[in-house]
Each structure stands twice: as structure tokens, then as C-alpha cells.
Amino acid sequence: MQSSTVVVEGLGSEACSRADERHRETLLDAVRMADVGSLAGKKGTVFAGVGHEYWQNKFGANHATAPGANTSTGMRKAE
């Protein structure tokens, strides 16, 4: 049986401004990927997986008054 590598990567960011017109912005992004290159004998060359991104108050917009200021979406990723 061949072993496979699983990689978890992501980021988290929170930004706020002292100006009253901007709101606290939160971005969370996480991806879990498997080494699919190892299936072809090329370990560590191709990774593929799924993840999720959550963004609140995108670009500092107020989610209460700006449609689309909050987003939450699943994603597929390959590298």
C-alpha cells in the first residue's frame, strides 16, 4: 500500500479601520489537499483538494446595508 500525504493550509485575517465609514473585516480560508501526484509515482508534484472561504464585511463594507458584503463558499483547489 502506498502512503499519501495530506496537507492542510489556510489563512485568517482581521482588519479594522479607525475611520467610521469602514467596518471590521474578517477573512478565513482553509483547504485540505491530498498528494495526487503520488498515485502516478510523482510524489509531491500535484496536490488537489477542497476548502472553504468565509469573508465578513468584504472590503470594509457594512454587511447590514451592503448586499454581498458577507460571503461563504466552498472551493476546489489544485496546485
PDB file of N, CA and C in Angstrom:
ATOM      1  N   MET A   1       0.836  -1.180   0.000  1.00  0.00           N
ATOM      2  CA  MET A   1       0.000   0.000   0.000  1.00  0.00           C
ATOM      3  C   MET A   1       0.885   1.249   0.000  1.00  0.00           C
ATOM      4  N   GLN A   2       0.557   2.190  -0.843  1.00  0.00           N
ATOM      5  CA  GLN A   2       1.311   3.420  -0.977  1.00  0.00           C
ATOM      6  C   GLN A   2       0.791   4.454   0.011  1.00  0.00           C
ATOM      7  N   SER A   3       1.725   5.152   0.679  1.00  0.00           N
ATOM      8  CA  SER A   3       1.275   6.199   1.597  1.00  0.00           C
ATOM      9  C   SER A   3       0.992   7.483   0.822  1.00  0.00           C
ATOM     10  N   SER A   4       0.090   8.267   1.355  1.00  0.00           N
ATOM     11  CA  SER A   4      -0.296   9.517   0.713  1.00  0.00           C
ATOM     12  C   SER A   4      -0.145  10.655   1.707  1.00  0.00           C
ATOM     13  N   THR A   5       0.216  11.814   1.217  1.00  0.00           N
ATOM     14  CA  THR A   5       0.391  12.988   2.058  1.00  0.00           C
ATOM     15  C   THR A   5      -0.859  13.860   1.984  1.00  0.00           C
ATOM     16  N   VAL A   6      -1.309  14.328   3.141  1.00  0.00           N
ATOM     17  CA  VAL A   6      -2.429  15.260   3.204  1.00  0.00           C
ATOM     18  C   VAL A   6      -1.893  16.571   3.779  1.00  0.00           C
ATOM     19  N   VAL A   7      -2.217  17.658   3.114  1.00  0.00           N
ATOM     20  CA  VAL A   7      -1.748  18.981   3.521  1.00  0.00           C
ATOM     21  C   VAL A   7      -2.957  19.842   3.874  1.00  0.00           C
ATOM     22  N   VAL A   8      -2.886  20.526   5.000  1.00  0.00           N
ATOM     23  CA  VAL A   8      -3.922  21.485   5.391  1.00  0.00           C
ATOM     24  C   VAL A   8      -3.259  22.851   5.410  1.00  0.00           C
ATOM     25  N   GLU A   9      -3.844  23.790   4.665  1.00  0.00           N
ATOM     26  CA  GLU A   9      -3.296  25.141   4.653  1.00  0.00           C
ATOM     27  C   GLU A   9      -4.429  26.148   4.692  1.00  0.00           C
ATOM     28  N   GLY A  10      -4.113  27.344   5.077  1.00  0.00           N
ATOM     29  CA  GLY A  10      -5.148  28.373   5.117  1.00  0.00           C
ATOM     30  C   GLY A  10      -4.631  29.666   5.692  1.00  0.00           C
ATOM     31  N   LEU A  11      -5.563  30.575   5.872  1.00  0.00           N
ATOM     32  CA  LEU A  11      -5.205  31.864   6.445  1.00  0.00           C
ATOM     33  C   LEU A  11      -6.400  32.435   7.190  1.00  0.00           C
ATOM     34  N   GLY A  12      -6.088  33.311   8.086  1.00  0.00           N
ATOM     35  CA  GLY A  12      -7.103  34.060   8.804  1.00  0.00           C
ATOM     36  C   GLY A  12      -6.643  35.499   8.910  1.00  0.00           C
ATOM     37  N   SER A  13      -7.543  36.420   8.690  1.00  0.00           N
ATOM     38  CA  SER A  13      -7.169  37.823   8.715  1.00  0.00           C
ATOM     39  C   SER A  13      -8.327  38.645   9.285  1.00  0.00           C
ATOM     40  N   GLU A  14      -7.969  39.618  10.095  1.00  0.00           N
ATOM     41  CA  GLU A  14      -8.978  40.541  10.603  1.00  0.00           C
ATOM     42  C   GLU A  14      -8.408  41.945  10.482  1.00  0.00           C
ATOM     43  N   ALA A  15      -9.168  42.828   9.879  1.00  0.00           N
ATOM     44  CA  ALA A  15      -8.702  44.201   9.682  1.00  0.00           C
ATOM     45  C   ALA A  15      -9.797  45.167  10.116  1.00  0.00           C
ATOM     46  N   CYS A  16      -9.383  46.266  10.688  1.00  0.00           N
ATOM     47  CA  CYS A  16     -10.342  47.292  11.042  1.00  0.00           C
ATOM     48  C   CYS A  16      -9.706  48.654  10.809  1.00  0.00           C
ATOM     49  N   SER A  17     -10.548  49.639  10.678  1.00  0.00           N
ATOM     50  CA  SER A  17     -10.084  50.986  10.405  1.00  0.00           C
ATOM     51  C   SER A  17     -10.579  51.911  11.496  1.00  0.00           C
ATOM     52  N   ARG A  18      -9.846  52.950  11.727  1.00  0.00           N
ATOM     53  CA  ARG A  18     -10.289  53.936  12.714  1.00  0.00           C
ATOM     54  C   ARG A  18     -11.373  54.830  12.123  1.00  0.00           C
ATOM     55  N   ALA A  19     -11.467  54.840  10.810  1.00  0.00           N
ATOM     56  CA  ALA A  19     -12.488  55.666  10.160  1.00  0.00           C
ATOM     57  C   ALA A  19     -13.870  55.062  10.391  1.00  0.00           C
ATOM     58  N   ASP A  20     -14.849  55.885  10.630  1.00  0.00           N
ATOM     59  CA  ASP A  20     -16.207  55.413  10.928  1.00  0.00           C
ATOM     60  C   ASP A  20     -16.885  54.747   9.736  1.00  0.00           C
ATOM     61  N   GLU A  21     -16.459  55.049   8.508  1.00  0.00           N
ATOM     62  CA  GLU A  21     -17.153  54.511   7.340  1.00  0.00           C
ATOM     63  C   GLU A  21     -16.777  53.055   7.031  1.00  0.00           C
ATOM     64  N   ARG A  22     -15.719  52.527   7.632  1.00  0.00           N
ATOM     65  CA  ARG A  22     -15.334  51.131   7.391  1.00  0.00           C
ATOM     66  C   ARG A  22     -15.693  50.268   8.593  1.00  0.00           C
ATOM     67  N   HIS A  23     -15.997  49.004   8.318  1.00  0.00           N
ATOM     68  CA  HIS A  23     -16.350  48.056   9.377  1.00  0.00           C
ATOM     69  C   HIS A  23     -15.288  46.972   9.476  1.00  0.00           C
ATOM     70  N   ARG A  24     -15.218  46.346  10.635  1.00  0.00           N
ATOM     71  CA  ARG A  24     -14.243  45.278  10.853  1.00  0.00           C
ATOM     72  C   ARG A  24     -14.439  44.187   9.798  1.00  0.00           C
ATOM     73  N   GLU A  25     -13.345  43.807   9.157  1.00  0.00           N
ATOM     74  CA  GLU A  25     -13.377  42.820   8.077  1.00  0.00           C
ATOM     75  C   GLU A  25     -12.692  41.534   8.552  1.00  0.00           C
ATOM     76  N   THR A  26     -13.346  40.396   8.333  1.00  0.00           N
ATOM     77  CA  THR A  26     -12.808  39.102   8.728  1.00  0.00           C
ATOM     78  C   THR A  26     -12.758  38.185   7.516  1.00  0.00           C
ATOM     79  N   LEU A  27     -11.607  37.556   7.290  1.00  0.00           N
ATOM     80  CA  LEU A  27     -11.430  36.608   6.187  1.00  0.00           C
ATOM     81  C   LEU A  27     -10.818  35.324   6.731  1.00  0.00           C
ATOM     82  N   LEU A  28     -11.490  34.198   6.487  1.00  0.00           N
ATOM     83  CA  LEU A  28     -10.992  32.874   6.867  1.00  0.00           C
ATOM     84  C   LEU A  28     -10.987  31.994   5.623  1.00  0.00           C
ATOM     85  N   ASP A  29      -9.882  31.301   5.391  1.00  0.00           N
ATOM     86  CA  ASP A  29      -9.728  30.459   4.202  1.00  0.00           C
ATOM     87  C   ASP A  29      -8.974  29.203   4.623  1.00  0.00           C
ATOM     88  N   ALA A  30      -9.553  28.031   4.393  1.00  0.00           N
ATOM     89  CA  ALA A  30      -8.904  26.775   4.756  1.00  0.00           C
ATOM     90  C   ALA A  30      -9.084  25.760   3.635  1.00  0.00           C
ATOM     91  N   VAL A  31      -8.012  25.000   3.349  1.00  0.00           N
ATOM     92  CA  VAL A  31      -8.031  23.996   2.281  1.00  0.00           C
ATOM     93  C   VAL A  31      -7.346  22.728   2.786  1.00  0.00           C
ATOM     94  N   ARG A  32      -7.928  21.588   2.459  1.00  0.00           N
ATOM     95  CA  ARG A  32      -7.330  20.281   2.770  1.00  0.00           C
ATOM     96  C   ARG A  32      -7.037  19.604   1.436  1.00  0.00           C
ATOM     97  N   MET A  33      -5.753  19.294   1.179  1.00  0.00           N
ATOM     98  CA  MET A  33      -5.355  18.731  -0.110  1.00  0.00           C
ATOM     99  C   MET A  33      -4.576  17.429   0.069  1.00  0.00           C
ATOM    100  N   ALA A  34      -4.749  16.534  -0.894  1.00  0.00           N
ATOM    101  CA  ALA A  34      -4.044  15.259  -0.910  1.00  0.00           C
ATOM    102  C   ALA A  34      -3.013  15.261  -2.033  1.00  0.00           C
ATOM    103  N   ASP A  35      -1.940  14.531  -1.833  1.00  0.00           N
ATOM    104  CA  ASP A  35      -0.876  14.399  -2.835  1.00  0.00           C
ATOM    105  C   ASP A  35      -1.327  13.402  -3.897  1.00  0.00           C
ATOM    106  N   VAL A  36      -1.972  13.896  -4.952  1.00  0.00           N
ATOM    107  CA  VAL A  36      -2.460  13.013  -6.013  1.00  0.00           C
ATOM    108  C   VAL A  36      -1.350  12.660  -6.994  1.00  0.00           C
ATOM    109  N   GLY A  37      -0.262  13.388  -6.986  1.00  0.00           N
ATOM    110  CA  GLY A  37       0.886  13.050  -7.825  1.00  0.00           C
ATOM    111  C   GLY A  37       1.505  11.723  -7.424  1.00  0.00           C
ATOM    112  N   SER A  38       1.376  11.358  -6.142  1.00  0.00           N
ATOM    113  CA  SER A  38       1.948  10.084  -5.676  1.00  0.00           C
ATOM    114  C   SER A  38       1.257   8.884  -6.313  1.00  0.00           C
ATOM    115  N   LEU A  39       0.016   9.067  -6.785  1.00  0.00           N
ATOM    116  CA  LEU A  39      -0.686   7.972  -7.456  1.00  0.00           C
ATOM    117  C   LEU A  39      -0.025   7.609  -8.782  1.00  0.00           C
ATOM    118  N   ALA A  40       0.693   8.575  -9.373  1.00  0.00           N
ATOM    119  CA  ALA A  40       1.395   8.348 -10.645  1.00  0.00           C
ATOM    120  C   ALA A  40       2.894   8.196 -10.427  1.00  0.00           C
ATOM    121  N   GLY A  41       3.300   8.018  -9.174  1.00  0.00           N
ATOM    122  CA  GLY A  41       4.714   7.850  -8.875  1.00  0.00           C
ATOM    123  C   GLY A  41       5.498   9.153  -8.836  1.00  0.00           C
ATOM    124  N   LYS A  42       4.835  10.289  -8.791  1.00  0.00           N
ATOM    125  CA  LYS A  42       5.494  11.608  -8.771  1.00  0.00           C
ATOM    126  C   LYS A  42       5.140  12.330  -7.471  1.00  0.00           C
ATOM    127  N   LYS A  43       5.592  11.769  -6.362  1.00  0.00           N
ATOM    128  CA  LYS A  43       5.243  12.288  -5.041  1.00  0.00           C
ATOM    129  C   LYS A  43       5.637  13.760  -4.883  1.00  0.00           C
ATOM    130  N   GLY A  44       4.708  14.553  -4.335  1.00  0.00           N
ATOM    131  CA  GLY A  44       4.961  15.948  -4.044  1.00  0.00           C
ATOM    132  C   GLY A  44       4.861  16.893  -5.232  1.00  0.00           C
ATOM    133  N   THR A  45       4.318  16.438  -6.360  1.00  0.00           N
ATOM    134  CA  THR A  45       4.252  17.303  -7.548  1.00  0.00           C
ATOM    135  C   THR A  45       2.865  17.883  -7.800  1.00  0.00           C
ATOM    136  N   VAL A  46       1.804  17.146  -7.486  1.00  0.00           N
ATOM    137  CA  VAL A  46       0.439  17.618  -7.739  1.00  0.00           C
ATOM    138  C   VAL A  46      -0.409  17.354  -6.494  1.00  0.00           C
ATOM    139  N   PHE A  47      -1.080  18.414  -6.028  1.00  0.00           N
ATOM    140  CA  PHE A  47      -1.978  18.305  -4.887  1.00  0.00           C
ATOM    141  C   PHE A  47      -3.366  18.761  -5.315  1.00  0.00           C
ATOM    142  N   ALA A  48      -4.408  18.132  -4.789  1.00  0.00           N
ATOM    143  CA  ALA A  48      -5.783  18.523  -5.084  1.00  0.00           C
ATOM    144  C   ALA A  48      -6.619  18.327  -3.825  1.00  0.00           C
ATOM    145  N   GLY A  49      -7.635  19.187  -3.674  1.00  0.00           N
ATOM    146  CA  GLY A  49      -8.472  19.056  -2.501  1.00  0.00           C
ATOM    147  C   GLY A  49      -9.628  20.031  -2.487  1.00  0.00           C
ATOM    148  N   VAL A  50     -10.237  20.152  -1.316  1.00  0.00           N
ATOM    149  CA  VAL A  50     -11.406  21.015  -1.135  1.00  0.00           C
ATOM    150  C   VAL A  50     -11.156  21.956   0.036  1.00  0.00           C
ATOM    151  N   GLY A  51     -11.903  23.061   0.037  1.00  0.00           N
ATOM    152  CA  GLY A  51     -11.746  24.022   1.113  1.00  0.00           C
ATOM    153  C   GLY A  51     -12.981  24.888   1.267  1.00  0.00           C
ATOM    154  N   HIS A  52     -12.853  25.886   2.110  1.00  0.00           N
ATOM    155  CA  HIS A  52     -13.966  26.792   2.381  1.00  0.00           C
ATOM    156  C   HIS A  52     -13.406  28.186   2.645  1.00  0.00           C
ATOM    157  N   GLU A  53     -14.135  29.208   2.172  1.00  0.00           N
ATOM    158  CA  GLU A  53     -13.761  30.593   2.431  1.00  0.00           C
ATOM    159  C   GLU A  53     -14.947  31.335   3.027  1.00  0.00           C
ATOM    160  N   TYR A  54     -14.684  32.084   4.086  1.00  0.00           N
ATOM    161  CA  TYR A  54     -15.701  32.927   4.722  1.00  0.00           C
ATOM    162  C   TYR A  54     -15.150  34.344   4.795  1.00  0.00           C
ATOM    163  N   TRP A  55     -15.900  35.304   4.318  1.00  0.00           N
ATOM    164  CA  TRP A  55     -15.473  36.703   4.325  1.00  0.00           C
ATOM    165  C   TRP A  55     -16.619  37.556   4.847  1.00  0.00           C
ATOM    166  N   GLN A  56     -16.409  38.225   5.974  1.00  0.00           N
ATOM    167  CA  GLN A  56     -17.432  39.094   6.571  1.00  0.00           C
ATOM    168  C   GLN A  56     -17.016  40.547   6.383  1.00  0.00           C
ATOM    169  N   ASN A  57     -17.981  41.379   5.987  1.00  0.00           N
ATOM    170  CA  ASN A  57     -17.752  42.796   5.730  1.00  0.00           C
ATOM    171  C   ASN A  57     -16.649  42.992   4.678  1.00  0.00           C
ATOM    172  N   LYS A  58     -16.823  42.319   3.542  1.00  0.00           N
ATOM    173  CA  LYS A  58     -15.837  42.349   2.453  1.00  0.00           C
ATOM    174  C   LYS A  58     -15.466  43.781   2.093  1.00  0.00           C
ATOM    175  N   PHE A  59     -14.173  44.057   2.025  1.00  0.00           N
ATOM    176  CA  PHE A  59     -13.605  45.377   1.708  1.00  0.00           C
ATOM    177  C   PHE A  59     -14.092  46.465   2.672  1.00  0.00           C
ATOM    178  N   GLY A  60     -14.460  46.063   3.894  1.00  0.00           N
ATOM    179  CA  GLY A  60     -14.888  47.020   4.906  1.00  0.00           C
ATOM    180  C   GLY A  60     -16.323  47.490   4.782  1.00  0.00           C
ATOM    181  N   ALA A  61     -17.079  46.895   3.869  1.00  0.00           N
ATOM    182  CA  ALA A  61     -18.484  47.284   3.690  1.00  0.00           C
ATOM    183  C   ALA A  61     -19.327  46.741   4.847  1.00  0.00           C
ATOM    184  N   ASN A  62     -20.344  47.441   5.221  1.00  0.00           N
ATOM    185  CA  ASN A  62     -21.242  47.021   6.293  1.00  0.00           C
ATOM    186  C   ASN A  62     -22.207  45.964   5.751  1.00  0.00           C
ATOM    187  N   HIS A  63     -22.142  44.755   6.294  1.00  0.00           N
ATOM    188  CA  HIS A  63     -22.998  43.672   5.791  1.00  0.00           C
ATOM    189  C   HIS A  63     -24.489  43.946   6.032  1.00  0.00           C
ATOM    190  N   ALA A  64     -24.794  44.825   6.964  1.00  0.00           N
ATOM    191  CA  ALA A  64     -26.205  45.132   7.240  1.00  0.00           C
ATOM    192  C   ALA A  64     -26.823  46.011   6.146  1.00  0.00           C
ATOM    193  N   THR A  65     -26.006  46.776   5.447  1.00  0.00           N
ATOM    194  CA  THR A  65     -26.538  47.691   4.426  1.00  0.00           C
ATOM    195  C   THR A  65     -26.023  47.413   3.017  1.00  0.00           C
ATOM    196  N   ALA A  66     -24.983  46.595   2.874  1.00  0.00           N
ATOM    197  CA  ALA A  66     -24.404  46.319   1.548  1.00  0.00           C
ATOM    198  C   ALA A  66     -24.602  44.848   1.185  1.00  0.00           C
ATOM    199  N   PRO A  67     -25.514  44.556   0.243  1.00  0.00           N
ATOM    200  CA  PRO A  67     -25.708  43.168  -0.180  1.00  0.00           C
ATOM    201  C   PRO A  67     -24.410  42.584  -0.726  1.00  0.00           C
ATOM    202  N   GLY A  68     -24.107  41.361  -0.333  1.00  0.00           N
ATOM    203  CA  GLY A  68     -22.907  40.694  -0.807  1.00  0.00           C
ATOM    204  C   GLY A  68     -21.666  40.985   0.008  1.00  0.00           C
ATOM    205  N   ALA A  69     -21.783  41.761   1.083  1.00  0.00           N
ATOM    206  CA  ALA A  69     -20.616  42.076   1.908  1.00  0.00           C
ATOM    207  C   ALA A  69     -20.146  40.867   2.708  1.00  0.00           C
ATOM    208  N   ASN A  70     -21.020  39.903   2.931  1.00  0.00           N
ATOM    209  CA  ASN A  70     -20.644  38.639   3.567  1.00  0.00           C
ATOM    210  C   ASN A  70     -20.716  37.534   2.529  1.00  0.00           C
ATOM    211  N   THR A  71     -19.655  36.729   2.427  1.00  0.00           N
ATOM    212  CA  THR A  71     -19.674  35.591   1.509  1.00  0.00           C
ATOM    213  C   THR A  71     -19.169  34.356   2.229  1.00  0.00           C
ATOM    214  N   SER A  72     -19.683  33.228   1.827  1.00  0.00           N
ATOM    215  CA  SER A  72     -19.267  31.936   2.347  1.00  0.00           C
ATOM    216  C   SER A  72     -19.388  30.940   1.212  1.00  0.00           C
ATOM    217  N   THR A  73     -18.271  30.331   0.831  1.00  0.00           N
ATOM    218  CA  THR A  73     -18.305  29.458  -0.338  1.00  0.00           C
ATOM    219  C   THR A  73     -17.325  28.299  -0.215  1.00  0.00           C
ATOM    220  N   GLY A  74     -17.724  27.177  -0.753  1.00  0.00           N
ATOM    221  CA  GLY A  74     -16.829  26.034  -0.842  1.00  0.00           C
ATOM    222  C   GLY A  74     -15.976  26.177  -2.098  1.00  0.00           C
ATOM    223  N   MET A  75     -14.843  25.478  -2.132  1.00  0.00           N
ATOM    224  CA  MET A  75     -13.984  25.571  -3.311  1.00  0.00           C
ATOM    225  C   MET A  75     -13.219  24.273  -3.544  1.00  0.00           C
ATOM    226  N   ARG A  76     -12.809  24.093  -4.779  1.00  0.00           N
ATOM    227  CA  ARG A  76     -11.910  23.004  -5.151  1.00  0.00           C
ATOM    228  C   ARG A  76     -10.597  23.653  -5.545  1.00  0.00           C
ATOM    229  N   LYS A  77      -9.478  23.012  -5.180  1.00  0.00           N
ATOM    230  CA  LYS A  77      -8.179  23.617  -5.467  1.00  0.00           C
ATOM    231  C   LYS A  77      -7.200  22.547  -5.924  1.00  0.00           C
ATOM    232  N   ALA A  78      -6.369  22.912  -6.887  1.00  0.00           N
ATOM    233  CA  ALA A  78      -5.300  22.037  -7.345  1.00  0.00           C
ATOM    234  C   ALA A  78      -4.041  22.879  -7.526  1.00  0.00           C
ATOM    235  N   GLU A  79      -2.922  22.305  -7.171  1.00  0.00           N
ATOM    236  CA  GLU A  79      -1.650  23.008  -7.398  1.00  0.00           C
ATOM    237  C   GLU A  79      -0.538  22.016  -7.613  1.00  0.00           C
TER     238      GLU A  79
END
